[in-house]
PDB file of N, CA and C in Angstrom:
ATOM      1  N   MET A   1     198.423 249.382  23.440  1.00  0.00           N
ATOM      2  CA  MET A   1     197.669 248.799  24.531  1.00  0.00           C
ATOM      3  C   MET A   1     196.303 249.471  24.621  1.00  0.00           C
ATOM      4  N   SER A   2     195.330 248.712  24.940  1.00  0.00           N
ATOM      5  CA  SER A   2     193.971 249.210  25.086  1.00  0.00           C
ATOM      6  C   SER A   2     193.802 249.854  26.454  1.00  0.00           C
ATOM      7  N   SER A   3     193.023 250.949  26.491  1.00  0.00           N
ATOM      8  CA  SER A   3     192.785 251.623  27.770  1.00  0.00           C
ATOM      9  C   SER A   3     191.601 251.009  28.513  1.00  0.00           C
ATOM     10  N   GLU A   4     190.913 250.076  27.865  1.00  0.00           N
ATOM     11  CA  GLU A   4     189.770 249.427  28.505  1.00  0.00           C
ATOM     12  C   GLU A   4     190.242 248.405  29.533  1.00  0.00           C
ATOM     13  N   ALA A   5     189.485 248.312  30.612  1.00  0.00           N
ATOM     14  CA  ALA A   5     189.794 247.308  31.631  1.00  0.00           C
ATOM     15  C   ALA A   5     189.486 245.923  31.070  1.00  0.00           C
ATOM     16  N   PRO A   6     190.298 244.938  31.409  1.00  0.00           N
ATOM     17  CA  PRO A   6     190.007 243.583  30.930  1.00  0.00           C
ATOM     18  C   PRO A   6     188.681 243.087  31.505  1.00  0.00           C
ATOM     19  N   THR A   7     188.001 242.275  30.734  1.00  0.00           N
ATOM     20  CA  THR A   7     186.722 241.727  31.168  1.00  0.00           C
ATOM     21  C   THR A   7     186.957 240.416  31.907  1.00  0.00           C
ATOM     22  N   ILE A   8     186.240 240.247  32.994  1.00  0.00           N
ATOM     23  CA  ILE A   8     186.331 239.000  33.751  1.00  0.00           C
ATOM     24  C   ILE A   8     185.552 237.933  32.993  1.00  0.00           C
ATOM     25  N   THR A   9     186.174 236.802  32.769  1.00  0.00           N
ATOM     26  CA  THR A   9     185.463 235.702  32.117  1.00  0.00           C
ATOM     27  C   THR A   9     184.552 235.021  33.138  1.00  0.00           C
ATOM     28  N   ASN A  10     183.644 234.228  32.643  1.00  0.00           N
ATOM     29  CA  ASN A  10     182.748 233.484  33.534  1.00  0.00           C
ATOM     30  C   ASN A  10     183.529 232.555  34.457  1.00  0.00           C
ATOM     31  N   GLU A  11     184.609 231.968  33.941  1.00  0.00           N
ATOM     32  CA  GLU A  11     185.418 231.058  34.749  1.00  0.00           C
ATOM     33  C   GLU A  11     186.100 231.791  35.899  1.00  0.00           C
ATOM     34  N   VAL A  12     186.643 232.981  35.602  1.00  0.00           N
ATOM     35  CA  VAL A  12     187.318 233.765  36.641  1.00  0.00           C
ATOM     36  C   VAL A  12     186.303 234.254  37.667  1.00  0.00           C
ATOM     37  N   GLU A  13     185.149 234.700  37.209  1.00  0.00           N
ATOM     38  CA  GLU A  13     184.111 235.139  38.148  1.00  0.00           C
ATOM     39  C   GLU A  13     183.665 233.977  39.028  1.00  0.00           C
ATOM     40  N   SER A  14     183.570 232.793  38.463  1.00  0.00           N
ATOM     41  CA  SER A  14     183.217 231.612  39.244  1.00  0.00           C
ATOM     42  C   SER A  14     184.272 231.351  40.321  1.00  0.00           C
ATOM     43  N   LEU A  15     185.540 231.491  39.957  1.00  0.00           N
ATOM     44  CA  LEU A  15     186.622 231.319  40.926  1.00  0.00           C
ATOM     45  C   LEU A  15     186.529 232.377  42.024  1.00  0.00           C
ATOM     46  N   PHE A  16     186.307 233.637  41.641  1.00  0.00           N
ATOM     47  CA  PHE A  16     186.153 234.713  42.630  1.00  0.00           C
ATOM     48  C   PHE A  16     184.999 234.402  43.576  1.00  0.00           C
ATOM     49  N   PHE A  17     183.885 233.929  43.025  1.00  0.00           N
ATOM     50  CA  PHE A  17     182.714 233.614  43.847  1.00  0.00           C
ATOM     51  C   PHE A  17     183.038 232.506  44.844  1.00  0.00           C
ATOM     52  N   ARG A  18     183.731 231.470  44.374  1.00  0.00           N
ATOM     53  CA  ARG A  18     184.075 230.358  45.273  1.00  0.00           C
ATOM     54  C   ARG A  18     185.045 230.798  46.362  1.00  0.00           C
ATOM     55  N   LEU A  19     186.008 231.642  46.006  1.00  0.00           N
ATOM     56  CA  LEU A  19     186.931 232.172  47.012  1.00  0.00           C
ATOM     57  C   LEU A  19     186.189 233.023  48.038  1.00  0.00           C
ATOM     58  N   GLU A  20     185.301 233.875  47.559  1.00  0.00           N
ATOM     59  CA  GLU A  20     184.530 234.725  48.460  1.00  0.00           C
ATOM     60  C   GLU A  20     183.653 233.882  49.385  1.00  0.00           C
ATOM     61  N   HIS A  21     183.035 232.858  48.846  1.00  0.00           N
ATOM     62  CA  HIS A  21     182.198 231.962  49.648  1.00  0.00           C
ATOM     63  C   HIS A  21     183.035 231.274  50.725  1.00  0.00           C
ATOM     64  N   ALA A  22     184.227 230.811  50.358  1.00  0.00           N
ATOM     65  CA  ALA A  22     185.108 230.158  51.332  1.00  0.00           C
ATOM     66  C   ALA A  22     185.522 231.128  52.434  1.00  0.00           C
ATOM     67  N   LEU A  23     185.788 232.380  52.067  1.00  0.00           N
ATOM     68  CA  LEU A  23     186.174 233.378  53.070  1.00  0.00           C
ATOM     69  C   LEU A  23     185.017 233.680  54.018  1.00  0.00           C
ATOM     70  N   TYR A  24     183.807 233.824  53.473  1.00  0.00           N
ATOM     71  CA  TYR A  24     182.637 234.047  54.332  1.00  0.00           C
ATOM     72  C   TYR A  24     182.407 232.846  55.256  1.00  0.00           C
ATOM     73  N   THR A  25     182.589 231.646  54.729  1.00  0.00           N
ATOM     74  CA  THR A  25     182.407 230.437  55.538  1.00  0.00           C
ATOM     75  C   THR A  25     183.427 230.389  56.671  1.00  0.00           C
ATOM     76  N   ALA A  26     184.682 230.679  56.359  1.00  0.00           N
ATOM     77  CA  ALA A  26     185.727 230.684  57.388  1.00  0.00           C
ATOM     78  C   ALA A  26     185.423 231.720  58.462  1.00  0.00           C
ATOM     79  N   GLU A  27     184.969 232.885  58.038  1.00  0.00           N
ATOM     80  CA  GLU A  27     184.638 233.933  59.004  1.00  0.00           C
ATOM     81  C   GLU A  27     183.463 233.519  59.885  1.00  0.00           C
ATOM     82  N   GLY A  28     182.463 232.907  59.293  1.00  0.00           N
ATOM     83  CA  GLY A  28     181.314 232.442  60.067  1.00  0.00           C
ATOM     84  C   GLY A  28     181.694 231.369  61.070  1.00  0.00           C
ATOM     85  N   MET A  29     182.531 230.441  60.643  1.00  0.00           N
ATOM     86  CA  MET A  29     182.984 229.385  61.556  1.00  0.00           C
ATOM     87  C   MET A  29     183.805 229.975  62.703  1.00  0.00           C
ATOM     88  N   ALA A  30     184.681 230.927  62.388  1.00  0.00           N
ATOM     89  CA  ALA A  30     185.495 231.556  63.434  1.00  0.00           C
ATOM     90  C   ALA A  30     184.618 232.299  64.427  1.00  0.00           C
ATOM     91  N   THR A  31     183.587 232.960  63.931  1.00  0.00           N
ATOM     92  CA  THR A  31     182.662 233.673  64.814  1.00  0.00           C
ATOM     93  C   THR A  31     181.930 232.691  65.721  1.00  0.00           C
ATOM     94  N   MET A  32     181.456 231.582  65.156  1.00  0.00           N
ATOM     95  CA  MET A  32     180.761 230.570  65.962  1.00  0.00           C
ATOM     96  C   MET A  32     181.683 229.985  67.027  1.00  0.00           C
ATOM     97  N   ILE A  33     182.907 229.683  66.652  1.00  0.00           N
ATOM     98  CA  ILE A  33     183.859 229.126  67.615  1.00  0.00           C
ATOM     99  C   ILE A  33     184.112 230.123  68.737  1.00  0.00           C
ATOM    100  N   ASN A  34     184.295 231.391  68.375  1.00  0.00           N
ATOM    101  CA  ASN A  34     184.546 232.424  69.375  1.00  0.00           C
ATOM    102  C   ASN A  34     183.353 232.586  70.314  1.00  0.00           C
ATOM    103  N   GLU A  35     182.140 232.557  69.757  1.00  0.00           N
ATOM    104  CA  GLU A  35     180.937 232.733  70.575  1.00  0.00           C
ATOM    105  C   GLU A  35     180.684 231.535  71.489  1.00  0.00           C
ATOM    106  N   ASN A  36     181.154 230.363  71.102  1.00  0.00           N
ATOM    107  CA  ASN A  36     180.923 229.153  71.892  1.00  0.00           C
ATOM    108  C   ASN A  36     182.113 228.774  72.761  1.00  0.00           C
ATOM    109  N   GLU A  37     183.010 229.718  72.957  1.00  0.00           N
ATOM    110  CA  GLU A  37     184.169 229.457  73.815  1.00  0.00           C
ATOM    111  C   GLU A  37     183.683 229.161  75.229  1.00  0.00           C
ATOM    112  N   PRO A  38     184.238 228.134  75.868  1.00  0.00           N
ATOM    113  CA  PRO A  38     183.797 227.807  77.231  1.00  0.00           C
ATOM    114  C   PRO A  38     184.130 228.944  78.203  1.00  0.00           C
ATOM    115  N   PRO A  39     183.382 229.031  79.311  1.00  0.00           N
ATOM    116  CA  PRO A  39     183.641 230.092  80.291  1.00  0.00           C
ATOM    117  C   PRO A  39     185.091 230.103  80.779  1.00  0.00           C
ATOM    118  N   ASP A  40     185.659 228.925  80.926  1.00  0.00           N
ATOM    119  CA  ASP A  40     187.065 228.825  81.313  1.00  0.00           C
ATOM    120  C   ASP A  40     187.859 228.474  80.057  1.00  0.00           C
ATOM    121  N   PRO A  41     188.490 229.468  79.401  1.00  0.00           N
ATOM    122  CA  PRO A  41     189.189 229.209  78.139  1.00  0.00           C
ATOM    123  C   PRO A  41     190.261 228.135  78.237  1.00  0.00           C
ATOM    124  N   ALA A  42     190.811 227.927  79.411  1.00  0.00           N
ATOM    125  CA  ALA A  42     191.867 226.924  79.558  1.00  0.00           C
ATOM    126  C   ALA A  42     191.308 225.510  79.668  1.00  0.00           C
ATOM    127  N   ALA A  43     189.991 225.389  79.783  1.00  0.00           N
ATOM    128  CA  ALA A  43     189.378 224.077  79.999  1.00  0.00           C
ATOM    129  C   ALA A  43     189.675 223.091  78.866  1.00  0.00           C
ATOM    130  N   HIS A  44     189.612 223.540  77.627  1.00  0.00           N
ATOM    131  CA  HIS A  44     189.797 222.635  76.490  1.00  0.00           C
ATOM    132  C   HIS A  44     190.947 223.051  75.586  1.00  0.00           C
ATOM    133  N   ALA A  45     191.667 224.072  75.993  1.00  0.00           N
ATOM    134  CA  ALA A  45     192.709 224.604  75.114  1.00  0.00           C
ATOM    135  C   ALA A  45     194.056 223.936  75.353  1.00  0.00           C
ATOM    136  N   ARG A  46     194.828 223.914  74.307  1.00  0.00           N
ATOM    137  CA  ARG A  46     196.210 223.460  74.417  1.00  0.00           C
ATOM    138  C   ARG A  46     197.022 224.629  74.973  1.00  0.00           C
ATOM    139  N   PRO A  47     198.154 224.362  75.584  1.00  0.00           N
ATOM    140  CA  PRO A  47     198.992 225.458  76.081  1.00  0.00           C
ATOM    141  C   PRO A  47     199.371 226.412  74.945  1.00  0.00           C
ATOM    142  N   GLY A  48     199.231 227.700  75.178  1.00  0.00           N
ATOM    143  CA  GLY A  48     199.562 228.704  74.173  1.00  0.00           C
ATOM    144  C   GLY A  48     198.476 228.943  73.146  1.00  0.00           C
ATOM    145  N   TYR A  49     197.352 228.275  73.265  1.00  0.00           N
ATOM    146  CA  TYR A  49     196.253 228.372  72.302  1.00  0.00           C
ATOM    147  C   TYR A  49     195.181 229.291  72.873  1.00  0.00           C
ATOM    148  N   ASN A  50     194.855 230.350  72.154  1.00  0.00           N
ATOM    149  CA  ASN A  50     193.853 231.296  72.611  1.00  0.00           C
ATOM    150  C   ASN A  50     192.753 231.370  71.555  1.00  0.00           C
ATOM    151  N   VAL A  51     191.580 230.876  71.872  1.00  0.00           N
ATOM    152  CA  VAL A  51     190.470 230.811  70.913  1.00  0.00           C
ATOM    153  C   VAL A  51     190.132 232.193  70.374  1.00  0.00           C
ATOM    154  N   HIS A  52     190.079 233.175  71.241  1.00  0.00           N
ATOM    155  CA  HIS A  52     189.702 234.525  70.809  1.00  0.00           C
ATOM    156  C   HIS A  52     190.714 235.097  69.815  1.00  0.00           C
ATOM    157  N   LYS A  53     192.008 234.929  70.094  1.00  0.00           N
ATOM    158  CA  LYS A  53     193.037 235.457  69.192  1.00  0.00           C
ATOM    159  C   LYS A  53     193.017 234.746  67.844  1.00  0.00           C
ATOM    160  N   VAL A  54     192.861 233.440  67.863  1.00  0.00           N
ATOM    161  CA  VAL A  54     192.835 232.674  66.615  1.00  0.00           C
ATOM    162  C   VAL A  54     191.617 233.046  65.782  1.00  0.00           C
ATOM    163  N   SER A  55     190.437 233.099  66.407  1.00  0.00           N
ATOM    164  CA  SER A  55     189.229 233.431  65.649  1.00  0.00           C
ATOM    165  C   SER A  55     189.283 234.869  65.144  1.00  0.00           C
ATOM    166  N   SER A  56     189.836 235.787  65.923  1.00  0.00           N
ATOM    167  CA  SER A  56     189.983 237.176  65.469  1.00  0.00           C
ATOM    168  C   SER A  56     190.917 237.263  64.265  1.00  0.00           C
ATOM    169  N   ALA A  57     191.989 236.480  64.278  1.00  0.00           N
ATOM    170  CA  ALA A  57     192.919 236.470  63.151  1.00  0.00           C
ATOM    171  C   ALA A  57     192.256 235.906  61.896  1.00  0.00           C
ATOM    172  N   ILE A  58     191.475 234.846  62.046  1.00  0.00           N
ATOM    173  CA  ILE A  58     190.773 234.263  60.899  1.00  0.00           C
ATOM    174  C   ILE A  58     189.785 235.271  60.316  1.00  0.00           C
ATOM    175  N   ILE A  59     189.070 235.968  61.167  1.00  0.00           N
ATOM    176  CA  ILE A  59     188.112 236.975  60.705  1.00  0.00           C
ATOM    177  C   ILE A  59     188.840 238.093  59.960  1.00  0.00           C
ATOM    178  N   ALA A  60     189.961 238.555  60.490  1.00  0.00           N
ATOM    179  CA  ALA A  60     190.725 239.621  59.839  1.00  0.00           C
ATOM    180  C   ALA A  60     191.240 239.187  58.469  1.00  0.00           C
ATOM    181  N   VAL A  61     191.755 237.961  58.378  1.00  0.00           N
ATOM    182  CA  VAL A  61     192.246 237.449  57.093  1.00  0.00           C
ATOM    183  C   VAL A  61     191.098 237.336  56.095  1.00  0.00           C
ATOM    184  N   SER A  62     189.944 236.872  56.547  1.00  0.00           N
ATOM    185  CA  SER A  62     188.780 236.745  55.677  1.00  0.00           C
ATOM    186  C   SER A  62     188.344 238.105  55.144  1.00  0.00           C
ATOM    187  N   GLN A  63     188.268 239.084  56.017  1.00  0.00           N
ATOM    188  CA  GLN A  63     187.842 240.418  55.594  1.00  0.00           C
ATOM    189  C   GLN A  63     188.835 241.022  54.609  1.00  0.00           C
ATOM    190  N   ARG A  64     190.119 240.843  54.854  1.00  0.00           N
ATOM    191  CA  ARG A  64     191.142 241.351  53.941  1.00  0.00           C
ATOM    192  C   ARG A  64     191.050 240.643  52.589  1.00  0.00           C
ATOM    193  N   GLY A  65     190.838 239.348  52.604  1.00  0.00           N
ATOM    194  CA  GLY A  65     190.702 238.603  51.355  1.00  0.00           C
ATOM    195  C   GLY A  65     189.513 239.068  50.535  1.00  0.00           C
ATOM    196  N   ARG A  66     188.388 239.320  51.198  1.00  0.00           N
ATOM    197  CA  ARG A  66     187.206 239.809  50.479  1.00  0.00           C
ATOM    198  C   ARG A  66     187.438 241.211  49.925  1.00  0.00           C
ATOM    199  N   ARG A  67     188.172 242.030  50.667  1.00  0.00           N
ATOM    200  CA  ARG A  67     188.494 243.372  50.187  1.00  0.00           C
ATOM    201  C   ARG A  67     189.369 243.286  48.933  1.00  0.00           C
ATOM    202  N   LEU A  68     190.359 242.393  48.947  1.00  0.00           N
ATOM    203  CA  LEU A  68     191.220 242.209  47.778  1.00  0.00           C
ATOM    204  C   LEU A  68     190.434 241.693  46.577  1.00  0.00           C
ATOM    205  N   LEU A  69     189.515 240.761  46.807  1.00  0.00           N
ATOM    206  CA  LEU A  69     188.669 240.277  45.710  1.00  0.00           C
ATOM    207  C   LEU A  69     187.835 241.418  45.136  1.00  0.00           C
ATOM    208  N   GLY A  70     187.316 242.270  46.001  1.00  0.00           N
ATOM    209  CA  GLY A  70     186.548 243.431  45.539  1.00  0.00           C
ATOM    210  C   GLY A  70     187.393 244.355  44.680  1.00  0.00           C
ATOM    211  N   GLU A  71     188.651 244.558  45.069  1.00  0.00           N
ATOM    212  CA  GLU A  71     189.552 245.392  44.275  1.00  0.00           C
ATOM    213  C   GLU A  71     189.832 244.755  42.920  1.00  0.00           C
ATOM    214  N   LEU A  72     190.019 243.437  42.898  1.00  0.00           N
ATOM    215  CA  LEU A  72     190.236 242.747  41.624  1.00  0.00           C
ATOM    216  C   LEU A  72     189.027 242.894  40.711  1.00  0.00           C
ATOM    217  N   ARG A  73     187.850 242.713  41.276  1.00  0.00           N
ATOM    218  CA  ARG A  73     186.629 242.847  40.474  1.00  0.00           C
ATOM    219  C   ARG A  73     186.477 244.270  39.946  1.00  0.00           C
ATOM    220  N   ALA A  74     186.784 245.268  40.777  1.00  0.00           N
ATOM    221  CA  ALA A  74     186.644 246.665  40.368  1.00  0.00           C
ATOM    222  C   ALA A  74     187.632 247.017  39.256  1.00  0.00           C
ATOM    223  N   HIS A  75     188.780 246.363  39.244  1.00  0.00           N
ATOM    224  CA  HIS A  75     189.809 246.625  38.240  1.00  0.00           C
ATOM    225  C   HIS A  75     189.398 246.101  36.863  1.00  0.00           C
ATOM    226  N   HIS A  76     188.580 245.093  36.827  1.00  0.00           N
ATOM    227  CA  HIS A  76     188.147 244.481  35.571  1.00  0.00           C
ATOM    228  C   HIS A  76     186.807 245.054  35.133  1.00  0.00           C
ATOM    229  N   GLY A  77     186.528 244.890  33.871  1.00  0.00           N
ATOM    230  CA  GLY A  77     185.248 245.332  33.331  1.00  0.00           C
ATOM    231  C   GLY A  77     184.131 244.404  33.757  1.00  0.00           C
ATOM    232  N   PRO A  78     182.909 244.774  33.438  1.00  0.00           N
ATOM    233  CA  PRO A  78     181.772 243.921  33.809  1.00  0.00           C
ATOM    234  C   PRO A  78     181.827 242.583  33.075  1.00  0.00           C
ATOM    235  N   ILE A  79     181.188 241.616  33.654  1.00  0.00           N
ATOM    236  CA  ILE A  79     181.144 240.277  33.069  1.00  0.00           C
ATOM    237  C   ILE A  79     180.240 240.299  31.849  1.00  0.00           C
ATOM    238  N   THR A  80     180.706 239.693  30.787  1.00  0.00           N
ATOM    239  CA  THR A  80     179.895 239.582  29.583  1.00  0.00           C
ATOM    240  C   THR A  80     179.331 238.173  29.525  1.00  0.00           C
ATOM    241  N   LEU A  81     178.013 238.056  29.622  1.00  0.00           N
ATOM    242  CA  LEU A  81     177.379 236.742  29.537  1.00  0.00           C
ATOM    243  C   LEU A  81     177.040 236.451  28.087  1.00  0.00           C
ATOM    244  N   HIS A  82     177.378 235.270  27.643  1.00  0.00           N
ATOM    245  CA  HIS A  82     177.120 234.880  26.249  1.00  0.00           C
ATOM    246  C   HIS A  82     175.959 233.937  26.181  1.00  0.00           C
TER     247      HIS A  82
END
């Protein structure tokens, strides 16, 4: 077995980029929703629905996903462009 880290192909890096973009987008949308919550949270909410808790959970999942992508990238060698 080779001791060198595997190299990320252009296709895999493209997938990582798209996943990261989707996570940033989800986090941005959750932040906007949280910031635009009406003064009376019960005004437009369904029973048991808490905008702040849902948006906080989405932000946490997004941040964790980006951290995992960073770990995957760090595990692989640099991208070789042909």
